[in-house]
Amino acid sequence: NYRLRGGAVASSIGHDSHNLIVLGD
């Protein structure tokens, strides 16, 4: 239900330990 296509989104804000989090196809 995120519905991304053709790439990736990443963040160093990842509650609450704030590890790197990335989502992509």
mmCIF file of all heavy atoms, coordinates in Angstrom:
data_MODEL
# 
_entry.id   MODEL 
# 
loop_
_atom_site.group_PDB 
_atom_site.id 
_atom_site.type_symbol 
_atom_site.label_atom_id 
_atom_site.label_alt_id 
_atom_site.label_comp_id 
_atom_site.label_asym_id 
_atom_site.label_entity_id 
_atom_site.label_seq_id 
_atom_site.pdbx_PDB_ins_code 
_atom_site.Cartn_x 
_atom_site.Cartn_y 
_atom_site.Cartn_z 
_atom_site.occupancy 
_atom_site.B_iso_or_equiv 
_atom_site.pdbx_formal_charge 
_atom_site.auth_seq_id 
_atom_site.auth_comp_id 
_atom_site.auth_asym_id 
_atom_site.auth_atom_id 
_atom_site.pdbx_PDB_model_num 
ATOM 1   N N   . ASN A 1 1  ? 0.805  -1.227 0.000   1.00 0.00 ? 1  ASN A N   1 
ATOM 2   C CA  . ASN A 1 1  ? 0.000  0.000  0.000   1.00 0.00 ? 1  ASN A CA  1 
ATOM 3   C C   . ASN A 1 1  ? 0.835  1.274  0.000   1.00 0.00 ? 1  ASN A C   1 
ATOM 4   O O   . ASN A 1 1  ? 0.339  2.344  0.325   1.00 0.00 ? 1  ASN A O   1 
ATOM 5   C CB  . ASN A 1 1  ? -0.997 0.035  1.175   1.00 0.00 ? 1  ASN A CB  1 
ATOM 6   C CG  . ASN A 1 1  ? -2.211 0.892  0.859   1.00 0.00 ? 1  ASN A CG  1 
ATOM 7   O OD1 . ASN A 1 1  ? -2.580 1.055  -0.308  1.00 0.00 ? 1  ASN A OD1 1 
ATOM 8   N ND2 . ASN A 1 1  ? -2.832 1.459  1.883   1.00 0.00 ? 1  ASN A ND2 1 
ATOM 9   N N   . TYR A 1 2  ? 2.108  1.168  -0.388  1.00 0.00 ? 2  TYR A N   1 
ATOM 10  C CA  . TYR A 1 2  ? 2.944  2.351  -0.582  1.00 0.00 ? 2  TYR A CA  1 
ATOM 11  C C   . TYR A 1 2  ? 2.934  2.778  -2.053  1.00 0.00 ? 2  TYR A C   1 
ATOM 12  O O   . TYR A 1 2  ? 3.051  3.950  -2.360  1.00 0.00 ? 2  TYR A O   1 
ATOM 13  C CB  . TYR A 1 2  ? 4.378  2.047  -0.124  1.00 0.00 ? 2  TYR A CB  1 
ATOM 14  C CG  . TYR A 1 2  ? 5.257  3.253  0.081   1.00 0.00 ? 2  TYR A CG  1 
ATOM 15  C CD1 . TYR A 1 2  ? 5.245  3.948  1.277   1.00 0.00 ? 2  TYR A CD1 1 
ATOM 16  C CD2 . TYR A 1 2  ? 6.131  3.672  -0.919  1.00 0.00 ? 2  TYR A CD2 1 
ATOM 17  C CE1 . TYR A 1 2  ? 6.080  5.048  1.476   1.00 0.00 ? 2  TYR A CE1 1 
ATOM 18  C CE2 . TYR A 1 2  ? 6.970  4.760  -0.739  1.00 0.00 ? 2  TYR A CE2 1 
ATOM 19  C CZ  . TYR A 1 2  ? 6.935  5.448  0.466   1.00 0.00 ? 2  TYR A CZ  1 
ATOM 20  O OH  . TYR A 1 2  ? 7.761  6.547  0.658   1.00 0.00 ? 2  TYR A OH  1 
ATOM 21  N N   . ARG A 1 3  ? 2.821  1.799  -2.934  1.00 0.00 ? 3  ARG A N   1 
ATOM 22  C CA  . ARG A 1 3  ? 2.573  2.003  -4.366  1.00 0.00 ? 3  ARG A CA  1 
ATOM 23  C C   . ARG A 1 3  ? 3.668  2.749  -5.115  1.00 0.00 ? 3  ARG A C   1 
ATOM 24  O O   . ARG A 1 3  ? 3.377  3.563  -5.999  1.00 0.00 ? 3  ARG A O   1 
ATOM 25  C CB  . ARG A 1 3  ? 1.242  2.730  -4.578  1.00 0.00 ? 3  ARG A CB  1 
ATOM 26  C CG  . ARG A 1 3  ? 0.045  1.985  -4.024  1.00 0.00 ? 3  ARG A CG  1 
ATOM 27  C CD  . ARG A 1 3  ? -1.236 2.753  -4.234  1.00 0.00 ? 3  ARG A CD  1 
ATOM 28  N NE  . ARG A 1 3  ? -2.317 2.220  -3.435  1.00 0.00 ? 3  ARG A NE  1 
ATOM 29  C CZ  . ARG A 1 3  ? -3.478 2.838  -3.221  1.00 0.00 ? 3  ARG A CZ  1 
ATOM 30  N NH1 . ARG A 1 3  ? -3.693 4.026  -3.776  1.00 0.00 ? 3  ARG A NH1 1 
ATOM 31  N NH2 . ARG A 1 3  ? -4.394 2.299  -2.469  1.00 0.00 ? 3  ARG A NH2 1 
ATOM 32  N N   . LEU A 1 4  ? 4.904  2.481  -4.788  1.00 0.00 ? 4  LEU A N   1 
ATOM 33  C CA  . LEU A 1 4  ? 6.026  3.111  -5.499  1.00 0.00 ? 4  LEU A CA  1 
ATOM 34  C C   . LEU A 1 4  ? 6.399  2.264  -6.719  1.00 0.00 ? 4  LEU A C   1 
ATOM 35  O O   . LEU A 1 4  ? 6.330  1.047  -6.668  1.00 0.00 ? 4  LEU A O   1 
ATOM 36  C CB  . LEU A 1 4  ? 7.186  3.240  -4.527  1.00 0.00 ? 4  LEU A CB  1 
ATOM 37  C CG  . LEU A 1 4  ? 8.560  3.678  -5.033  1.00 0.00 ? 4  LEU A CG  1 
ATOM 38  C CD1 . LEU A 1 4  ? 9.293  4.434  -3.926  1.00 0.00 ? 4  LEU A CD1 1 
ATOM 39  C CD2 . LEU A 1 4  ? 9.411  2.475  -5.470  1.00 0.00 ? 4  LEU A CD2 1 
ATOM 40  N N   . ARG A 1 5  ? 6.837  2.954  -7.760  1.00 0.00 ? 5  ARG A N   1 
ATOM 41  C CA  . ARG A 1 5  ? 7.326  2.269  -8.963  1.00 0.00 ? 5  ARG A CA  1 
ATOM 42  C C   . ARG A 1 5  ? 8.496  3.044  -9.566  1.00 0.00 ? 5  ARG A C   1 
ATOM 43  O O   . ARG A 1 5  ? 8.450  4.248  -9.726  1.00 0.00 ? 5  ARG A O   1 
ATOM 44  C CB  . ARG A 1 5  ? 6.218  2.157  -10.020 1.00 0.00 ? 5  ARG A CB  1 
ATOM 45  C CG  . ARG A 1 5  ? 5.205  1.042  -9.749  1.00 0.00 ? 5  ARG A CG  1 
ATOM 46  C CD  . ARG A 1 5  ? 5.843  -0.351 -9.898  1.00 0.00 ? 5  ARG A CD  1 
ATOM 47  N NE  . ARG A 1 5  ? 4.893  -1.441 -9.690  1.00 0.00 ? 5  ARG A NE  1 
ATOM 48  C CZ  . ARG A 1 5  ? 4.700  -2.056 -8.531  1.00 0.00 ? 5  ARG A CZ  1 
ATOM 49  N NH1 . ARG A 1 5  ? 5.377  -1.669 -7.461  1.00 0.00 ? 5  ARG A NH1 1 
ATOM 50  N NH2 . ARG A 1 5  ? 3.839  -3.062 -8.421  1.00 0.00 ? 5  ARG A NH2 1 
ATOM 51  N N   . GLY A 1 6  ? 9.582  2.306  -9.882  1.00 0.00 ? 6  GLY A N   1 
ATOM 52  C CA  . GLY A 1 6  ? 10.698 2.897  -10.615 1.00 0.00 ? 6  GLY A CA  1 
ATOM 53  C C   . GLY A 1 6  ? 11.741 3.592  -9.783  1.00 0.00 ? 6  GLY A C   1 
ATOM 54  O O   . GLY A 1 6  ? 12.429 4.487  -10.281 1.00 0.00 ? 6  GLY A O   1 
ATOM 55  N N   . GLY A 1 7  ? 11.918 3.193  -8.509  1.00 0.00 ? 7  GLY A N   1 
ATOM 56  C CA  . GLY A 1 7  ? 12.934 3.858  -7.709  1.00 0.00 ? 7  GLY A CA  1 
ATOM 57  C C   . GLY A 1 7  ? 12.927 3.439  -6.256  1.00 0.00 ? 7  GLY A C   1 
ATOM 58  O O   . GLY A 1 7  ? 12.503 2.340  -5.905  1.00 0.00 ? 7  GLY A O   1 
ATOM 59  N N   . ALA A 1 8  ? 13.395 4.358  -5.407  1.00 0.00 ? 8  ALA A N   1 
ATOM 60  C CA  . ALA A 1 8  ? 13.505 4.078  -3.978  1.00 0.00 ? 8  ALA A CA  1 
ATOM 61  C C   . ALA A 1 8  ? 13.422 5.377  -3.193  1.00 0.00 ? 8  ALA A C   1 
ATOM 62  O O   . ALA A 1 8  ? 13.761 6.452  -3.683  1.00 0.00 ? 8  ALA A O   1 
ATOM 63  C CB  . ALA A 1 8  ? 14.813 3.359  -3.676  1.00 0.00 ? 8  ALA A CB  1 
ATOM 64  N N   . VAL A 1 9  ? 12.959 5.248  -1.947  1.00 0.00 ? 9  VAL A N   1 
ATOM 65  C CA  . VAL A 1 9  ? 12.895 6.365  -1.006  1.00 0.00 ? 9  VAL A CA  1 
ATOM 66  C C   . VAL A 1 9  ? 13.641 5.938  0.251   1.00 0.00 ? 9  VAL A C   1 
ATOM 67  O O   . VAL A 1 9  ? 13.445 4.817  0.745   1.00 0.00 ? 9  VAL A O   1 
ATOM 68  C CB  . VAL A 1 9  ? 11.430 6.724  -0.659  1.00 0.00 ? 9  VAL A CB  1 
ATOM 69  C CG1 . VAL A 1 9  ? 11.371 7.787  0.419   1.00 0.00 ? 9  VAL A CG1 1 
ATOM 70  C CG2 . VAL A 1 9  ? 10.694 7.193  -1.906  1.00 0.00 ? 9  VAL A CG2 1 
ATOM 71  N N   . ALA A 1 10 ? 14.500 6.808  0.771   1.00 0.00 ? 10 ALA A N   1 
ATOM 72  C CA  . ALA A 1 10 ? 15.313 6.453  1.931   1.00 0.00 ? 10 ALA A CA  1 
ATOM 73  C C   . ALA A 1 10 ? 15.336 7.588  2.944   1.00 0.00 ? 10 ALA A C   1 
ATOM 74  O O   . ALA A 1 10 ? 15.169 8.752  2.600   1.00 0.00 ? 10 ALA A O   1 
ATOM 75  C CB  . ALA A 1 10 ? 16.733 6.102  1.504   1.00 0.00 ? 10 ALA A CB  1 
ATOM 76  N N   . SER A 1 11 ? 15.582 7.209  4.221   1.00 0.00 ? 11 SER A N   1 
ATOM 77  C CA  . SER A 1 11 ? 15.575 8.197  5.302   1.00 0.00 ? 11 SER A CA  1 
ATOM 78  C C   . SER A 1 11 ? 16.494 7.748  6.430   1.00 0.00 ? 11 SER A C   1 
ATOM 79  O O   . SER A 1 11 ? 16.606 6.556  6.707   1.00 0.00 ? 11 SER A O   1 
ATOM 80  C CB  . SER A 1 11 ? 14.146 8.368  5.828   1.00 0.00 ? 11 SER A CB  1 
ATOM 81  O OG  . SER A 1 11 ? 14.111 9.171  6.986   1.00 0.00 ? 11 SER A OG  1 
ATOM 82  N N   . SER A 1 12 ? 17.137 8.713  7.071   1.00 0.00 ? 12 SER A N   1 
ATOM 83  C CA  . SER A 1 12 ? 17.882 8.407  8.301   1.00 0.00 ? 12 SER A CA  1 
ATOM 84  C C   . SER A 1 12 ? 17.011 8.643  9.521   1.00 0.00 ? 12 SER A C   1 
ATOM 85  O O   . SER A 1 12 ? 17.467 8.521  10.657  1.00 0.00 ? 12 SER A O   1 
ATOM 86  C CB  . SER A 1 12 ? 19.155 9.261  8.387   1.00 0.00 ? 12 SER A CB  1 
ATOM 87  O OG  . SER A 1 12 ? 18.840 10.643 8.323   1.00 0.00 ? 12 SER A OG  1 
ATOM 88  N N   . ILE A 1 13 ? 15.737 9.001  9.284   1.00 0.00 ? 13 ILE A N   1 
ATOM 89  C CA  . ILE A 1 13 ? 14.756 9.109  10.355  1.00 0.00 ? 13 ILE A CA  1 
ATOM 90  C C   . ILE A 1 13 ? 13.964 7.816  10.340  1.00 0.00 ? 13 ILE A C   1 
ATOM 91  O O   . ILE A 1 13 ? 13.189 7.555  9.413   1.00 0.00 ? 13 ILE A O   1 
ATOM 92  C CB  . ILE A 1 13 ? 13.813 10.304 10.142  1.00 0.00 ? 13 ILE A CB  1 
ATOM 93  C CG1 . ILE A 1 13 ? 14.617 11.599 10.034  1.00 0.00 ? 13 ILE A CG1 1 
ATOM 94  C CG2 . ILE A 1 13 ? 12.784 10.390 11.260  1.00 0.00 ? 13 ILE A CG2 1 
ATOM 95  C CD1 . ILE A 1 13 ? 13.789 12.792 9.601   1.00 0.00 ? 13 ILE A CD1 1 
ATOM 96  N N   . GLY A 1 14 ? 14.174 6.983  11.327  1.00 0.00 ? 14 GLY A N   1 
ATOM 97  C CA  . GLY A 1 14 ? 13.482 5.703  11.427  1.00 0.00 ? 14 GLY A CA  1 
ATOM 98  C C   . GLY A 1 14 ? 13.125 5.464  12.877  1.00 0.00 ? 14 GLY A C   1 
ATOM 99  O O   . GLY A 1 14 ? 13.935 4.945  13.641  1.00 0.00 ? 14 GLY A O   1 
ATOM 100 N N   . HIS A 1 15 ? 11.963 5.920  13.273  1.00 0.00 ? 15 HIS A N   1 
ATOM 101 C CA  . HIS A 1 15 ? 11.570 5.900  14.691  1.00 0.00 ? 15 HIS A CA  1 
ATOM 102 C C   . HIS A 1 15 ? 11.693 4.496  15.277  1.00 0.00 ? 15 HIS A C   1 
ATOM 103 O O   . HIS A 1 15 ? 11.289 3.525  14.671  1.00 0.00 ? 15 HIS A O   1 
ATOM 104 C CB  . HIS A 1 15 ? 10.141 6.402  14.842  1.00 0.00 ? 15 HIS A CB  1 
ATOM 105 C CG  . HIS A 1 15 ? 9.961  7.820  14.440  1.00 0.00 ? 15 HIS A CG  1 
ATOM 106 N ND1 . HIS A 1 15 ? 10.451 8.876  15.179  1.00 0.00 ? 15 HIS A ND1 1 
ATOM 107 C CD2 . HIS A 1 15 ? 9.384  8.383  13.362  1.00 0.00 ? 15 HIS A CD2 1 
ATOM 108 C CE1 . HIS A 1 15 ? 10.158 10.014 14.577  1.00 0.00 ? 15 HIS A CE1 1 
ATOM 109 N NE2 . HIS A 1 15 ? 9.508  9.735  13.452  1.00 0.00 ? 15 HIS A NE2 1 
ATOM 110 N N   . ASP A 1 16 ? 12.259 4.426  16.516  1.00 0.00 ? 16 ASP A N   1 
ATOM 111 C CA  . ASP A 1 16 ? 12.813 5.522  17.274  1.00 0.00 ? 16 ASP A CA  1 
ATOM 112 C C   . ASP A 1 16 ? 14.336 5.406  17.378  1.00 0.00 ? 16 ASP A C   1 
ATOM 113 O O   . ASP A 1 16 ? 14.991 6.285  17.917  1.00 0.00 ? 16 ASP A O   1 
ATOM 114 C CB  . ASP A 1 16 ? 12.240 5.538  18.691  1.00 0.00 ? 16 ASP A CB  1 
ATOM 115 C CG  . ASP A 1 16 ? 10.905 6.237  18.782  1.00 0.00 ? 16 ASP A CG  1 
ATOM 116 O OD1 . ASP A 1 16 ? 10.682 7.188  18.019  1.00 0.00 ? 16 ASP A OD1 1 
ATOM 117 O OD2 . ASP A 1 16 ? 10.073 5.826  19.590  1.00 0.00 ? 16 ASP A OD2 1 
ATOM 118 N N   . SER A 1 17 ? 14.872 4.312  16.873  1.00 0.00 ? 17 SER A N   1 
ATOM 119 C CA  . SER A 1 17 ? 16.320 4.141  16.937  1.00 0.00 ? 17 SER A CA  1 
ATOM 120 C C   . SER A 1 17 ? 17.037 4.899  15.826  1.00 0.00 ? 17 SER A C   1 
ATOM 121 O O   . SER A 1 17 ? 18.248 5.079  15.860  1.00 0.00 ? 17 SER A O   1 
ATOM 122 C CB  . SER A 1 17 ? 16.686 2.657  16.880  1.00 0.00 ? 17 SER A CB  1 
ATOM 123 O OG  . SER A 1 17 ? 16.284 2.012  18.065  1.00 0.00 ? 17 SER A OG  1 
ATOM 124 N N   . HIS A 1 18 ? 16.266 5.328  14.834  1.00 0.00 ? 18 HIS A N   1 
ATOM 125 C CA  . HIS A 1 18 ? 16.787 6.166  13.746  1.00 0.00 ? 18 HIS A CA  1 
ATOM 126 C C   . HIS A 1 18 ? 17.946 5.524  13.002  1.00 0.00 ? 18 HIS A C   1 
ATOM 127 O O   . HIS A 1 18 ? 18.979 6.142  12.747  1.00 0.00 ? 18 HIS A O   1 
ATOM 128 C CB  . HIS A 1 18 ? 17.123 7.559  14.264  1.00 0.00 ? 18 HIS A CB  1 
ATOM 129 C CG  . HIS A 1 18 ? 15.903 8.247  14.778  1.00 0.00 ? 18 HIS A CG  1 
ATOM 130 N ND1 . HIS A 1 18 ? 14.856 8.601  13.956  1.00 0.00 ? 18 HIS A ND1 1 
ATOM 131 C CD2 . HIS A 1 18 ? 15.522 8.581  16.029  1.00 0.00 ? 18 HIS A CD2 1 
ATOM 132 C CE1 . HIS A 1 18 ? 13.896 9.141  14.685  1.00 0.00 ? 18 HIS A CE1 1 
ATOM 133 N NE2 . HIS A 1 18 ? 14.271 9.138  15.944  1.00 0.00 ? 18 HIS A NE2 1 
ATOM 134 N N   . ASN A 1 19 ? 17.724 4.273  12.678  1.00 0.00 ? 19 ASN A N   1 
ATOM 135 C CA  . ASN A 1 19 ? 18.599 3.626  11.717  1.00 0.00 ? 19 ASN A CA  1 
ATOM 136 C C   . ASN A 1 19 ? 18.157 4.044  10.313  1.00 0.00 ? 19 ASN A C   1 
ATOM 137 O O   . ASN A 1 19 ? 17.110 4.667  10.143  1.00 0.00 ? 19 ASN A O   1 
ATOM 138 C CB  . ASN A 1 19 ? 18.525 2.114  11.898  1.00 0.00 ? 19 ASN A CB  1 
ATOM 139 C CG  . ASN A 1 19 ? 19.213 1.668  13.178  1.00 0.00 ? 19 ASN A CG  1 
ATOM 140 O OD1 . ASN A 1 19 ? 20.379 1.999  13.402  1.00 0.00 ? 19 ASN A OD1 1 
ATOM 141 N ND2 . ASN A 1 19 ? 18.502 0.938  14.026  1.00 0.00 ? 19 ASN A ND2 1 
ATOM 142 N N   . LEU A 1 20 ? 18.968 3.723  9.323   1.00 0.00 ? 20 LEU A N   1 
ATOM 143 C CA  . LEU A 1 20 ? 18.604 4.049  7.957   1.00 0.00 ? 20 LEU A CA  1 
ATOM 144 C C   . LEU A 1 20 ? 17.480 3.123  7.512   1.00 0.00 ? 20 LEU A C   1 
ATOM 145 O O   . LEU A 1 20 ? 17.494 1.928  7.809   1.00 0.00 ? 20 LEU A O   1 
ATOM 146 C CB  . LEU A 1 20 ? 19.800 3.887  7.023   1.00 0.00 ? 20 LEU A CB  1 
ATOM 147 C CG  . LEU A 1 20 ? 21.033 4.746  7.332   1.00 0.00 ? 20 LEU A CG  1 
ATOM 148 C CD1 . LEU A 1 20 ? 22.121 4.500  6.287   1.00 0.00 ? 20 LEU A CD1 1 
ATOM 149 C CD2 . LEU A 1 20 ? 20.692 6.221  7.388   1.00 0.00 ? 20 LEU A CD2 1 
ATOM 150 N N   . ILE A 1 21 ? 16.516 3.689  6.813   1.00 0.00 ? 21 ILE A N   1 
ATOM 151 C CA  . ILE A 1 21 ? 15.394 2.888  6.325   1.00 0.00 ? 21 ILE A CA  1 
ATOM 152 C C   . ILE A 1 21 ? 15.158 3.241  4.862   1.00 0.00 ? 21 ILE A C   1 
ATOM 153 O O   . ILE A 1 21 ? 15.191 4.417  4.474   1.00 0.00 ? 21 ILE A O   1 
ATOM 154 C CB  . ILE A 1 21 ? 14.137 3.128  7.191   1.00 0.00 ? 21 ILE A CB  1 
ATOM 155 C CG1 . ILE A 1 21 ? 12.982 2.226  6.750   1.00 0.00 ? 21 ILE A CG1 1 
ATOM 156 C CG2 . ILE A 1 21 ? 13.738 4.581  7.237   1.00 0.00 ? 21 ILE A CG2 1 
ATOM 157 C CD1 . ILE A 1 21 ? 11.851 2.164  7.766   1.00 0.00 ? 21 ILE A CD1 1 
ATOM 158 N N   . VAL A 1 22 ? 14.968 2.217  4.048   1.00 0.00 ? 22 VAL A N   1 
ATOM 159 C CA  . VAL A 1 22 ? 14.815 2.425  2.609   1.00 0.00 ? 22 VAL A CA  1 
ATOM 160 C C   . VAL A 1 22 ? 13.761 1.480  2.070   1.00 0.00 ? 22 VAL A C   1 
ATOM 161 O O   . VAL A 1 22 ? 13.634 0.340  2.517   1.00 0.00 ? 22 VAL A O   1 
ATOM 162 C CB  . VAL A 1 22 ? 16.165 2.234  1.876   1.00 0.00 ? 22 VAL A CB  1 
ATOM 163 C CG1 . VAL A 1 22 ? 16.720 0.838  2.099   1.00 0.00 ? 22 VAL A CG1 1 
ATOM 164 C CG2 . VAL A 1 22 ? 16.045 2.559  0.395   1.00 0.00 ? 22 VAL A CG2 1 
ATOM 165 N N   . LEU A 1 23 ? 13.003 1.965  1.118   1.00 0.00 ? 23 LEU A N   1 
ATOM 166 C CA  . LEU A 1 23 ? 11.929 1.193  0.496   1.00 0.00 ? 23 LEU A CA  1 
ATOM 167 C C   . LEU A 1 23 ? 12.011 1.408  -1.009  1.00 0.00 ? 23 LEU A C   1 
ATOM 168 O O   . LEU A 1 23 ? 12.197 2.539  -1.468  1.00 0.00 ? 23 LEU A O   1 
ATOM 169 C CB  . LEU A 1 23 ? 10.586 1.667  1.046   1.00 0.00 ? 23 LEU A CB  1 
ATOM 170 C CG  . LEU A 1 23 ? 9.298  0.954  0.624   1.00 0.00 ? 23 LEU A CG  1 
ATOM 171 C CD1 . LEU A 1 23 ? 8.253  1.117  1.723   1.00 0.00 ? 23 LEU A CD1 1 
ATOM 172 C CD2 . LEU A 1 23 ? 8.748  1.499  -0.674  1.00 0.00 ? 23 LEU A CD2 1 
ATOM 173 N N   . GLY A 1 24 ? 11.898 0.327  -1.782  1.00 0.00 ? 24 GLY A N   1 
ATOM 174 C CA  . GLY A 1 24 ? 11.987 0.500  -3.225  1.00 0.00 ? 24 GLY A CA  1 
ATOM 175 C C   . GLY A 1 24 ? 11.576 -0.742 -3.998  1.00 0.00 ? 24 GLY A C   1 
ATOM 176 O O   . GLY A 1 24 ? 11.277 -1.786 -3.420  1.00 0.00 ? 24 GLY A O   1 
ATOM 177 N N   . ASP A 1 25 ? 11.589 -0.598 -5.318  1.00 0.00 ? 25 ASP A N   1 
ATOM 178 C CA  . ASP A 1 25 ? 11.225 -1.736 -6.171  1.00 0.00 ? 25 ASP A CA  1 
ATOM 179 C C   . ASP A 1 25 ? 12.419 -2.291 -6.930  1.00 0.00 ? 25 ASP A C   1 
ATOM 180 O O   . ASP A 1 25 ? 12.273 -3.187 -7.764  1.00 0.00 ? 25 ASP A O   1 
ATOM 181 C CB  . ASP A 1 25 ? 10.098 -1.350 -7.132  1.00 0.00 ? 25 ASP A CB  1 
ATOM 182 C CG  . ASP A 1 25 ? 10.538 -0.359 -8.203  1.00 0.00 ? 25 ASP A CG  1 
ATOM 183 O OD1 . ASP A 1 25 ? 11.655 0.206  -8.085  1.00 0.00 ? 25 ASP A OD1 1 
ATOM 184 O OD2 . ASP A 1 25 ? 9.758  -0.132 -9.143  1.00 0.00 ? 25 ASP A OD2 1 
# 
